[in-house]
Amino acid sequence: MSTLLERDGLVATWRRINADTGSGSRECCELNERGEAVPHPHPSARRQIVLTDVYCQIAEQIGHVAAMSVAVTTPSFGIRVPDVVWMPPDKWEGFDREAPVPFVPDLCVEVLLDRKMPQDISRRVRAYLAGGAREVIVVSQRGELQFWGANGPLQASALGIELSLERMYFEELAPSFTASSWREI
C-alpha cells in the first residue's frame, strides 16, 4: 500500500513529472494524495471556449485575479488543476509561481464538459473546500451550475457570481452532478 506524501514531497514529484510541460511536449499531470500521476488532458476546443467564458465573467464580476488551469495543493487530494481559480490579490503574493499554489484559492471552478471524470467531482469539491476554498462552482455537462460551500450545496453563489453560459456548447442528455451527490462528499 502506498503512503500519503507530505506537501513538499508532492511538489517535488509534481515538478519532476511536469518538467517538460512548458515546452508543450506533453500534457500536464495532476498528483493524487500518494504522489501518483493522474493525467490531466488538454480541454477540447468546445470546453476551452466555456472555460474562457467562465474565467472572463468571474474576472469581470469579482476582479482580475482569476486564472485558468492553475495547479493547487489540497490537503487531502494531492495536487489538482481546477479549471478556473480566483483569490484576492494579496494571496497571489509570496509563493513560487513555478510550483503549484501551496493552498487552495478562495474560489475553484470545475467544468465537466467533455471530461471523463464526473465520478471524481465529489472528491474534488470536498478537497477544495477542506483546503480552504470559500466556494466551488461545478458546471455540469449540461451547463447547469451548482454552487458549493463548506456546509454543502448553495442556492446561489456566496461570492455573488452569476454565470451566463451559451447553451450551444452543452450536451442535453448528459448526467448531472446534483445536490443529492453531496451525500457522497
N, C-alpha and C. Protein backbone atom coordinates (compact mmCIF):
# COMPACT_ATOMS: atom_id res chain seq x y z
N MET A 1 0.84 -1.19 0.00
CA MET A 1 0.00 0.00 0.00
C MET A 1 0.89 1.25 0.00
N SER A 2 0.59 2.20 -0.86
CA SER A 2 1.35 3.44 -0.93
C SER A 2 1.03 4.32 0.26
N THR A 3 1.99 5.15 0.64
CA THR A 3 1.77 6.07 1.75
C THR A 3 1.44 7.45 1.19
N LEU A 4 0.78 8.25 2.00
CA LEU A 4 0.44 9.60 1.61
C LEU A 4 1.70 10.46 1.64
N LEU A 5 1.89 11.30 0.66
CA LEU A 5 3.05 12.19 0.63
C LEU A 5 2.71 13.51 1.30
N GLU A 6 3.68 14.08 2.00
CA GLU A 6 3.54 15.42 2.54
C GLU A 6 3.62 16.42 1.39
N ARG A 7 3.25 17.67 1.66
CA ARG A 7 3.20 18.70 0.63
C ARG A 7 4.52 18.84 -0.11
N ASP A 8 5.65 18.88 0.59
CA ASP A 8 6.95 19.04 -0.07
C ASP A 8 7.24 17.88 -1.01
N GLY A 9 6.89 16.67 -0.61
CA GLY A 9 7.08 15.51 -1.46
C GLY A 9 6.20 15.56 -2.70
N LEU A 10 4.95 16.02 -2.52
CA LEU A 10 4.04 16.17 -3.66
C LEU A 10 4.58 17.19 -4.65
N VAL A 11 5.04 18.34 -4.14
CA VAL A 11 5.54 19.40 -5.01
C VAL A 11 6.77 18.93 -5.76
N ALA A 12 7.70 18.25 -5.08
CA ALA A 12 8.90 17.74 -5.75
C ALA A 12 8.53 16.74 -6.85
N THR A 13 7.60 15.86 -6.56
CA THR A 13 7.16 14.88 -7.57
C THR A 13 6.47 15.59 -8.72
N TRP A 14 5.62 16.56 -8.42
CA TRP A 14 4.90 17.32 -9.45
C TRP A 14 5.89 18.04 -10.37
N ARG A 15 6.90 18.68 -9.78
CA ARG A 15 7.91 19.39 -10.59
C ARG A 15 8.63 18.42 -11.53
N ARG A 16 8.99 17.25 -11.01
CA ARG A 16 9.70 16.27 -11.82
C ARG A 16 8.83 15.78 -12.98
N ILE A 17 7.59 15.44 -12.69
CA ILE A 17 6.69 14.90 -13.72
C ILE A 17 6.32 15.96 -14.75
N ASN A 18 6.16 17.20 -14.31
CA ASN A 18 5.70 18.26 -15.20
C ASN A 18 6.83 19.13 -15.73
N ALA A 19 8.06 18.68 -15.64
CA ALA A 19 9.22 19.48 -16.06
C ALA A 19 9.15 19.88 -17.53
N ASP A 20 8.56 19.07 -18.37
CA ASP A 20 8.54 19.35 -19.81
C ASP A 20 7.27 20.04 -20.30
N THR A 21 6.32 20.32 -19.42
CA THR A 21 5.04 20.87 -19.90
C THR A 21 5.19 22.27 -20.47
N GLY A 22 6.15 23.05 -20.01
CA GLY A 22 6.34 24.39 -20.54
C GLY A 22 6.72 24.40 -22.00
N SER A 23 7.40 23.36 -22.45
CA SER A 23 7.81 23.28 -23.84
C SER A 23 6.71 22.72 -24.74
N GLY A 24 5.59 22.31 -24.12
CA GLY A 24 4.48 21.78 -24.88
C GLY A 24 4.68 20.35 -25.32
N SER A 25 5.70 19.68 -24.78
CA SER A 25 6.00 18.33 -25.24
C SER A 25 5.07 17.27 -24.68
N ARG A 26 4.39 17.56 -23.57
CA ARG A 26 3.44 16.58 -23.06
C ARG A 26 2.40 17.28 -22.19
N GLU A 27 1.36 16.53 -21.90
CA GLU A 27 0.27 17.09 -21.12
C GLU A 27 0.63 17.17 -19.65
N CYS A 28 0.04 18.10 -18.96
CA CYS A 28 0.22 18.27 -17.53
C CYS A 28 -0.42 17.11 -16.78
N CYS A 29 0.17 16.76 -15.68
CA CYS A 29 -0.40 15.72 -14.81
C CYS A 29 -0.76 16.33 -13.47
N GLU A 30 -1.80 15.79 -12.89
CA GLU A 30 -2.10 16.07 -11.50
C GLU A 30 -1.47 14.95 -10.69
N LEU A 31 -1.47 15.08 -9.37
CA LEU A 31 -0.98 14.02 -8.50
C LEU A 31 -2.06 13.71 -7.48
N ASN A 32 -2.27 12.41 -7.23
CA ASN A 32 -3.19 12.07 -6.15
C ASN A 32 -2.45 12.21 -4.82
N GLU A 33 -3.12 11.92 -3.73
CA GLU A 33 -2.55 12.10 -2.41
C GLU A 33 -1.34 11.21 -2.13
N ARG A 34 -1.12 10.22 -2.94
CA ARG A 34 0.04 9.32 -2.78
C ARG A 34 1.19 9.69 -3.72
N GLY A 35 1.02 10.77 -4.48
CA GLY A 35 2.06 11.20 -5.40
C GLY A 35 2.04 10.46 -6.72
N GLU A 36 0.97 9.76 -7.02
CA GLU A 36 0.83 9.03 -8.28
C GLU A 36 0.24 9.96 -9.34
N ALA A 37 0.80 9.92 -10.53
CA ALA A 37 0.37 10.79 -11.62
C ALA A 37 -1.06 10.47 -12.04
N VAL A 38 -1.83 11.53 -12.24
CA VAL A 38 -3.19 11.45 -12.74
C VAL A 38 -3.22 12.32 -14.00
N PRO A 39 -3.37 11.75 -15.19
CA PRO A 39 -3.35 12.56 -16.41
C PRO A 39 -4.40 13.67 -16.36
N HIS A 40 -4.02 14.82 -16.83
CA HIS A 40 -4.93 15.96 -16.92
C HIS A 40 -4.91 16.43 -18.37
N PRO A 41 -5.74 15.80 -19.21
CA PRO A 41 -5.70 16.09 -20.64
C PRO A 41 -6.09 17.53 -20.97
N HIS A 42 -5.55 18.00 -22.07
CA HIS A 42 -5.91 19.33 -22.55
C HIS A 42 -7.39 19.35 -22.90
N PRO A 43 -8.08 20.46 -22.63
CA PRO A 43 -9.50 20.52 -22.96
C PRO A 43 -9.74 20.61 -24.46
N SER A 44 -10.90 20.11 -24.87
CA SER A 44 -11.32 20.24 -26.27
C SER A 44 -11.55 21.72 -26.58
N ALA A 45 -11.67 22.04 -27.85
CA ALA A 45 -11.92 23.42 -28.25
C ALA A 45 -13.23 23.93 -27.63
N ARG A 46 -14.25 23.08 -27.64
CA ARG A 46 -15.55 23.47 -27.08
C ARG A 46 -15.41 23.78 -25.59
N ARG A 47 -14.70 22.93 -24.87
CA ARG A 47 -14.51 23.14 -23.43
C ARG A 47 -13.64 24.37 -23.17
N GLN A 48 -12.64 24.62 -24.00
CA GLN A 48 -11.80 25.81 -23.84
C GLN A 48 -12.62 27.09 -23.96
N ILE A 49 -13.58 27.08 -24.88
CA ILE A 49 -14.45 28.26 -25.04
C ILE A 49 -15.24 28.49 -23.76
N VAL A 50 -15.80 27.44 -23.19
CA VAL A 50 -16.58 27.57 -21.96
C VAL A 50 -15.68 28.01 -20.81
N LEU A 51 -14.49 27.41 -20.68
CA LEU A 51 -13.56 27.81 -19.62
C LEU A 51 -13.20 29.29 -19.71
N THR A 52 -12.92 29.73 -20.93
CA THR A 52 -12.56 31.13 -21.14
C THR A 52 -13.73 32.04 -20.79
N ASP A 53 -14.93 31.63 -21.16
CA ASP A 53 -16.13 32.41 -20.84
C ASP A 53 -16.32 32.51 -19.33
N VAL A 54 -16.17 31.39 -18.62
CA VAL A 54 -16.30 31.39 -17.15
C VAL A 54 -15.24 32.29 -16.54
N TYR A 55 -14.00 32.14 -16.98
CA TYR A 55 -12.90 32.97 -16.48
C TYR A 55 -13.20 34.46 -16.67
N CYS A 56 -13.61 34.84 -17.88
CA CYS A 56 -13.88 36.25 -18.17
C CYS A 56 -15.01 36.80 -17.32
N GLN A 57 -16.07 36.03 -17.15
CA GLN A 57 -17.19 36.50 -16.33
C GLN A 57 -16.78 36.66 -14.86
N ILE A 58 -16.01 35.72 -14.34
CA ILE A 58 -15.55 35.82 -12.95
C ILE A 58 -14.63 37.02 -12.79
N ALA A 59 -13.67 37.18 -13.69
CA ALA A 59 -12.74 38.30 -13.61
C ALA A 59 -13.48 39.63 -13.68
N GLU A 60 -14.50 39.70 -14.51
CA GLU A 60 -15.29 40.93 -14.64
C GLU A 60 -16.11 41.21 -13.38
N GLN A 61 -16.65 40.17 -12.78
CA GLN A 61 -17.55 40.35 -11.64
C GLN A 61 -16.85 40.55 -10.30
N ILE A 62 -15.73 39.83 -10.07
CA ILE A 62 -15.11 39.96 -8.74
C ILE A 62 -13.63 40.30 -8.78
N GLY A 63 -13.09 40.58 -9.95
CA GLY A 63 -11.72 41.05 -10.01
C GLY A 63 -10.83 40.23 -10.93
N HIS A 64 -9.82 40.90 -11.44
CA HIS A 64 -8.94 40.30 -12.44
C HIS A 64 -7.80 39.51 -11.81
N VAL A 65 -8.06 38.84 -10.73
CA VAL A 65 -7.06 37.96 -10.13
C VAL A 65 -7.54 36.52 -10.21
N ALA A 66 -8.22 36.24 -11.29
CA ALA A 66 -8.65 34.87 -11.60
C ALA A 66 -7.60 34.28 -12.55
N ALA A 67 -7.55 32.96 -12.61
CA ALA A 67 -6.61 32.29 -13.51
C ALA A 67 -7.22 30.97 -13.97
N MET A 68 -6.74 30.50 -15.10
CA MET A 68 -7.21 29.23 -15.66
C MET A 68 -6.14 28.17 -15.50
N SER A 69 -6.58 26.95 -15.14
CA SER A 69 -5.71 25.77 -15.10
C SER A 69 -4.44 25.97 -14.28
N VAL A 70 -4.62 26.40 -13.05
CA VAL A 70 -3.50 26.59 -12.12
C VAL A 70 -3.47 25.41 -11.16
N ALA A 71 -2.32 24.78 -11.02
CA ALA A 71 -2.17 23.67 -10.08
C ALA A 71 -2.24 24.19 -8.65
N VAL A 72 -3.01 23.50 -7.81
CA VAL A 72 -3.14 23.87 -6.40
C VAL A 72 -2.91 22.64 -5.53
N THR A 73 -2.38 22.87 -4.35
CA THR A 73 -2.12 21.79 -3.41
C THR A 73 -3.29 21.67 -2.46
N THR A 74 -3.90 20.51 -2.42
CA THR A 74 -5.00 20.26 -1.49
C THR A 74 -4.48 19.40 -0.34
N PRO A 75 -5.06 19.53 0.84
CA PRO A 75 -4.56 18.75 1.97
C PRO A 75 -4.92 17.27 1.91
N SER A 76 -5.94 16.91 1.14
CA SER A 76 -6.39 15.52 1.17
C SER A 76 -6.45 14.83 -0.19
N PHE A 77 -6.18 15.56 -1.26
CA PHE A 77 -6.41 15.00 -2.58
C PHE A 77 -5.25 15.27 -3.53
N GLY A 78 -4.08 15.61 -2.98
CA GLY A 78 -2.91 15.83 -3.80
C GLY A 78 -2.91 17.17 -4.50
N ILE A 79 -2.28 17.22 -5.66
CA ILE A 79 -2.18 18.44 -6.45
C ILE A 79 -3.16 18.32 -7.61
N ARG A 80 -4.08 19.25 -7.65
CA ARG A 80 -5.14 19.25 -8.67
C ARG A 80 -5.08 20.53 -9.48
N VAL A 81 -5.71 20.50 -10.63
CA VAL A 81 -5.73 21.65 -11.53
C VAL A 81 -7.19 22.02 -11.81
N PRO A 82 -7.76 22.90 -10.97
CA PRO A 82 -9.12 23.36 -11.25
C PRO A 82 -9.14 24.13 -12.57
N ASP A 83 -10.29 24.17 -13.20
CA ASP A 83 -10.39 24.87 -14.48
C ASP A 83 -10.20 26.37 -14.34
N VAL A 84 -10.78 26.96 -13.29
CA VAL A 84 -10.63 28.38 -13.02
C VAL A 84 -10.49 28.54 -11.51
N VAL A 85 -9.62 29.46 -11.09
CA VAL A 85 -9.50 29.80 -9.67
C VAL A 85 -9.53 31.31 -9.53
N TRP A 86 -9.90 31.76 -8.34
CA TRP A 86 -9.87 33.18 -8.00
C TRP A 86 -9.49 33.31 -6.53
N MET A 87 -8.73 34.35 -6.22
CA MET A 87 -8.45 34.70 -4.84
C MET A 87 -8.05 36.17 -4.80
N PRO A 88 -8.14 36.80 -3.63
CA PRO A 88 -7.78 38.22 -3.52
C PRO A 88 -6.32 38.46 -3.92
N PRO A 89 -6.00 39.66 -4.37
CA PRO A 89 -4.64 39.97 -4.84
C PRO A 89 -3.54 39.64 -3.84
N ASP A 90 -3.76 39.91 -2.56
CA ASP A 90 -2.70 39.67 -1.58
C ASP A 90 -2.33 38.19 -1.45
N LYS A 91 -3.24 37.30 -1.76
CA LYS A 91 -2.93 35.87 -1.69
C LYS A 91 -2.05 35.41 -2.84
N TRP A 92 -2.00 36.18 -3.93
CA TRP A 92 -1.16 35.80 -5.08
C TRP A 92 0.31 36.12 -4.82
N GLU A 93 0.60 36.83 -3.74
CA GLU A 93 1.98 37.23 -3.44
C GLU A 93 2.66 36.21 -2.53
N GLY A 94 3.97 36.09 -2.66
CA GLY A 94 4.76 35.37 -1.69
C GLY A 94 4.92 33.87 -1.88
N PHE A 95 4.57 33.33 -3.03
CA PHE A 95 4.85 31.91 -3.26
C PHE A 95 5.45 31.74 -4.65
N ASP A 96 6.14 30.63 -4.83
CA ASP A 96 6.84 30.30 -6.07
C ASP A 96 5.84 30.05 -7.19
N ARG A 97 5.87 30.88 -8.23
CA ARG A 97 4.93 30.76 -9.35
C ARG A 97 5.22 29.56 -10.25
N GLU A 98 6.39 28.96 -10.09
CA GLU A 98 6.75 27.79 -10.89
C GLU A 98 6.28 26.49 -10.25
N ALA A 99 5.74 26.59 -9.05
CA ALA A 99 5.24 25.42 -8.32
C ALA A 99 3.73 25.57 -8.16
N PRO A 100 3.06 24.50 -7.78
CA PRO A 100 1.62 24.63 -7.51
C PRO A 100 1.37 25.63 -6.39
N VAL A 101 0.23 26.30 -6.44
CA VAL A 101 -0.17 27.18 -5.35
C VAL A 101 -0.17 26.31 -4.08
N PRO A 102 0.48 26.76 -3.01
CA PRO A 102 0.62 25.90 -1.83
C PRO A 102 -0.64 25.76 -0.98
N PHE A 103 -1.74 26.30 -1.45
CA PHE A 103 -3.02 26.23 -0.74
C PHE A 103 -4.13 26.27 -1.78
N VAL A 104 -5.35 26.10 -1.33
CA VAL A 104 -6.49 26.14 -2.24
C VAL A 104 -7.03 27.58 -2.29
N PRO A 105 -7.19 28.16 -3.48
CA PRO A 105 -7.74 29.51 -3.60
C PRO A 105 -9.18 29.60 -3.08
N ASP A 106 -9.66 30.83 -2.91
CA ASP A 106 -10.99 31.08 -2.37
C ASP A 106 -12.10 30.51 -3.24
N LEU A 107 -11.90 30.51 -4.55
CA LEU A 107 -12.90 30.00 -5.49
C LEU A 107 -12.24 29.03 -6.45
N CYS A 108 -12.85 27.87 -6.61
CA CYS A 108 -12.40 26.88 -7.60
C CYS A 108 -13.61 26.53 -8.47
N VAL A 109 -13.38 26.43 -9.76
CA VAL A 109 -14.44 26.08 -10.70
C VAL A 109 -14.01 24.84 -11.48
N GLU A 110 -14.92 23.90 -11.60
CA GLU A 110 -14.71 22.71 -12.42
C GLU A 110 -15.79 22.67 -13.49
N VAL A 111 -15.38 22.54 -14.74
CA VAL A 111 -16.29 22.42 -15.87
C VAL A 111 -16.22 20.98 -16.35
N LEU A 112 -17.32 20.26 -16.24
CA LEU A 112 -17.33 18.84 -16.56
C LEU A 112 -17.50 18.54 -18.05
N LEU A 113 -17.76 19.54 -18.85
CA LEU A 113 -17.94 19.37 -20.28
C LEU A 113 -16.76 18.61 -20.88
N ASP A 114 -17.05 17.57 -21.65
CA ASP A 114 -16.04 16.76 -22.34
C ASP A 114 -15.06 16.07 -21.41
N ARG A 115 -15.40 15.91 -20.16
CA ARG A 115 -14.48 15.27 -19.22
C ARG A 115 -14.97 13.88 -18.88
N LYS A 116 -14.04 13.01 -18.62
CA LYS A 116 -14.37 11.64 -18.27
C LYS A 116 -14.30 11.43 -16.77
N MET A 117 -14.28 12.52 -15.98
CA MET A 117 -14.11 12.40 -14.55
C MET A 117 -15.30 12.84 -13.70
N PRO A 118 -16.54 12.84 -14.18
CA PRO A 118 -17.62 13.32 -13.33
C PRO A 118 -17.73 12.53 -12.02
N GLN A 119 -17.37 11.25 -12.03
CA GLN A 119 -17.46 10.45 -10.81
C GLN A 119 -16.43 10.93 -9.78
N ASP A 120 -15.41 11.63 -10.21
CA ASP A 120 -14.34 12.13 -9.37
C ASP A 120 -14.68 13.48 -8.75
N ILE A 121 -15.74 14.12 -9.20
CA ILE A 121 -16.01 15.50 -8.82
C ILE A 121 -16.34 15.64 -7.34
N SER A 122 -17.00 14.68 -6.74
CA SER A 122 -17.31 14.77 -5.31
C SER A 122 -16.03 14.90 -4.48
N ARG A 123 -15.03 14.11 -4.80
CA ARG A 123 -13.75 14.20 -4.09
C ARG A 123 -13.07 15.53 -4.33
N ARG A 124 -13.15 16.04 -5.54
CA ARG A 124 -12.54 17.34 -5.85
C ARG A 124 -13.21 18.45 -5.05
N VAL A 125 -14.53 18.48 -5.06
CA VAL A 125 -15.25 19.51 -4.32
C VAL A 125 -14.88 19.44 -2.85
N ARG A 126 -14.90 18.25 -2.29
CA ARG A 126 -14.56 18.06 -0.87
C ARG A 126 -13.13 18.54 -0.59
N ALA A 127 -12.18 18.18 -1.45
CA ALA A 127 -10.78 18.57 -1.25
C ALA A 127 -10.60 20.09 -1.32
N TYR A 128 -11.25 20.74 -2.28
CA TYR A 128 -11.13 22.20 -2.39
C TYR A 128 -11.70 22.88 -1.14
N LEU A 129 -12.87 22.43 -0.70
CA LEU A 129 -13.49 23.04 0.47
C LEU A 129 -12.69 22.76 1.73
N ALA A 130 -12.20 21.54 1.90
CA ALA A 130 -11.39 21.20 3.07
C ALA A 130 -10.08 21.97 3.06
N GLY A 131 -9.62 22.35 1.88
CA GLY A 131 -8.37 23.10 1.76
C GLY A 131 -8.53 24.59 1.92
N GLY A 132 -9.74 25.07 2.14
CA GLY A 132 -9.94 26.49 2.39
C GLY A 132 -10.72 27.26 1.36
N ALA A 133 -11.18 26.61 0.30
CA ALA A 133 -12.00 27.33 -0.69
C ALA A 133 -13.27 27.82 -0.01
N ARG A 134 -13.65 29.04 -0.29
CA ARG A 134 -14.92 29.57 0.22
C ARG A 134 -16.08 29.05 -0.62
N GLU A 135 -15.79 28.78 -1.88
CA GLU A 135 -16.85 28.34 -2.79
C GLU A 135 -16.25 27.50 -3.91
N VAL A 136 -17.03 26.52 -4.35
CA VAL A 136 -16.69 25.71 -5.52
C VAL A 136 -17.89 25.77 -6.44
N ILE A 137 -17.64 26.05 -7.71
CA ILE A 137 -18.69 26.04 -8.72
C ILE A 137 -18.43 24.86 -9.65
N VAL A 138 -19.46 24.06 -9.87
CA VAL A 138 -19.38 22.95 -10.81
C VAL A 138 -20.33 23.27 -11.96
N VAL A 139 -19.78 23.23 -13.17
CA VAL A 139 -20.59 23.41 -14.37
C VAL A 139 -20.77 22.01 -14.95
N SER A 140 -22.01 21.52 -14.93
CA SER A 140 -22.27 20.16 -15.39
C SER A 140 -22.10 20.04 -16.90
N GLN A 141 -22.13 18.81 -17.39
CA GLN A 141 -22.02 18.57 -18.82
C GLN A 141 -23.21 19.13 -19.59
N ARG A 142 -24.29 19.44 -18.86
CA ARG A 142 -25.47 20.05 -19.49
C ARG A 142 -25.49 21.57 -19.30
N GLY A 143 -24.44 22.12 -18.65
CA GLY A 143 -24.36 23.57 -18.45
C GLY A 143 -25.06 24.05 -17.19
N GLU A 144 -25.53 23.13 -16.36
CA GLU A 144 -26.16 23.53 -15.10
C GLU A 144 -25.09 23.94 -14.12
N LEU A 145 -25.40 24.94 -13.31
CA LEU A 145 -24.45 25.44 -12.32
C LEU A 145 -24.81 24.93 -10.94
N GLN A 146 -23.82 24.41 -10.23
CA GLN A 146 -24.00 24.03 -8.84
C GLN A 146 -22.97 24.79 -8.03
N PHE A 147 -23.43 25.42 -6.95
CA PHE A 147 -22.56 26.18 -6.06
C PHE A 147 -22.44 25.41 -4.76
N TRP A 148 -21.20 25.28 -4.26
CA TRP A 148 -20.93 24.51 -3.06
C TRP A 148 -20.16 25.35 -2.06
N GLY A 149 -20.56 25.27 -0.80
CA GLY A 149 -19.85 25.92 0.29
C GLY A 149 -19.48 24.88 1.33
N ALA A 150 -18.86 25.29 2.39
CA ALA A 150 -18.39 24.38 3.43
C ALA A 150 -19.50 23.50 4.01
N ASN A 151 -20.73 24.01 4.00
CA ASN A 151 -21.85 23.26 4.58
C ASN A 151 -22.70 22.54 3.54
N GLY A 152 -22.23 22.48 2.31
CA GLY A 152 -22.98 21.76 1.29
C GLY A 152 -23.41 22.65 0.15
N PRO A 153 -24.44 22.21 -0.57
CA PRO A 153 -24.90 22.97 -1.74
C PRO A 153 -25.48 24.32 -1.34
N LEU A 154 -25.28 25.30 -2.21
CA LEU A 154 -25.81 26.65 -2.02
C LEU A 154 -26.85 26.92 -3.10
N GLN A 155 -27.81 27.75 -2.78
CA GLN A 155 -28.83 28.14 -3.77
C GLN A 155 -28.25 29.05 -4.84
N ALA A 156 -27.26 29.86 -4.45
CA ALA A 156 -26.62 30.81 -5.36
C ALA A 156 -25.19 31.03 -4.87
N SER A 157 -24.41 31.70 -5.64
CA SER A 157 -23.03 31.97 -5.28
C SER A 157 -22.93 32.84 -4.04
N ALA A 158 -22.14 32.43 -3.08
CA ALA A 158 -21.89 33.23 -1.88
C ALA A 158 -21.01 34.44 -2.22
N LEU A 159 -20.30 34.36 -3.34
CA LEU A 159 -19.44 35.46 -3.78
C LEU A 159 -20.16 36.40 -4.74
N GLY A 160 -21.43 36.14 -4.99
CA GLY A 160 -22.22 37.00 -5.87
C GLY A 160 -21.97 36.77 -7.35
N ILE A 161 -21.44 35.64 -7.71
CA ILE A 161 -21.13 35.35 -9.11
C ILE A 161 -22.39 34.85 -9.82
N GLU A 162 -22.63 35.41 -10.99
CA GLU A 162 -23.71 34.96 -11.85
C GLU A 162 -23.11 34.64 -13.21
N LEU A 163 -23.19 33.39 -13.59
CA LEU A 163 -22.63 32.97 -14.87
C LEU A 163 -23.74 32.74 -15.88
N SER A 164 -23.55 33.26 -17.07
CA SER A 164 -24.47 33.06 -18.18
C SER A 164 -23.69 32.36 -19.28
N LEU A 165 -24.01 31.07 -19.49
CA LEU A 165 -23.24 30.26 -20.42
C LEU A 165 -24.06 29.93 -21.67
N GLU A 166 -23.40 29.96 -22.80
CA GLU A 166 -24.04 29.70 -24.08
C GLU A 166 -24.47 28.24 -24.17
N ARG A 167 -25.77 27.99 -24.34
CA ARG A 167 -26.34 26.63 -24.36
C ARG A 167 -25.78 25.75 -25.48
N MET A 168 -25.39 26.33 -26.58
CA MET A 168 -24.97 25.54 -27.73
C MET A 168 -23.74 24.67 -27.46
N TYR A 169 -23.01 24.93 -26.38
CA TYR A 169 -21.80 24.16 -26.08
C TYR A 169 -22.05 22.94 -25.19
N PHE A 170 -23.27 22.77 -24.73
CA PHE A 170 -23.53 21.73 -23.74
C PHE A 170 -24.39 20.60 -24.29
N GLU A 171 -24.22 19.44 -23.67
CA GLU A 171 -24.98 18.25 -24.03
C GLU A 171 -26.31 18.27 -23.30
N GLU A 172 -27.36 17.93 -23.98
CA GLU A 172 -28.69 17.97 -23.37
C GLU A 172 -29.00 16.77 -22.49
N LEU A 173 -28.42 15.62 -22.76
CA LEU A 173 -28.79 14.41 -22.03
C LEU A 173 -27.68 13.88 -21.13
N ALA A 174 -26.65 14.65 -20.91
CA ALA A 174 -25.54 14.18 -20.08
C ALA A 174 -25.96 14.07 -18.62
N PRO A 175 -25.34 13.15 -17.86
CA PRO A 175 -25.66 13.04 -16.44
C PRO A 175 -25.23 14.30 -15.71
N SER A 176 -25.87 14.58 -14.62
CA SER A 176 -25.61 15.80 -13.88
C SER A 176 -25.14 15.49 -12.46
N PHE A 177 -24.29 16.32 -11.92
CA PHE A 177 -23.85 16.25 -10.52
C PHE A 177 -24.86 17.10 -9.75
N THR A 178 -25.60 16.51 -8.85
CA THR A 178 -26.71 17.21 -8.20
C THR A 178 -26.48 17.35 -6.70
N ALA A 179 -27.39 18.05 -6.06
CA ALA A 179 -27.32 18.24 -4.62
C ALA A 179 -27.33 16.90 -3.88
N SER A 180 -28.00 15.90 -4.43
CA SER A 180 -28.00 14.60 -3.76
C SER A 180 -26.61 13.97 -3.78
N SER A 181 -25.74 14.42 -4.68
CA SER A 181 -24.36 13.93 -4.72
C SER A 181 -23.58 14.39 -3.50
N TRP A 182 -24.05 15.43 -2.83
CA TRP A 182 -23.36 15.96 -1.65
C TRP A 182 -23.20 14.88 -0.59
N ARG A 183 -24.15 13.94 -0.51
CA ARG A 183 -24.04 12.88 0.49
C ARG A 183 -22.77 12.06 0.30
N GLU A 184 -22.30 11.98 -0.95
CA GLU A 184 -21.06 11.25 -1.22
C GLU A 184 -19.85 12.03 -0.74
N ILE A 185 -19.99 13.32 -0.61
CA ILE A 185 -18.88 14.18 -0.19
C ILE A 185 -18.81 14.12 1.29
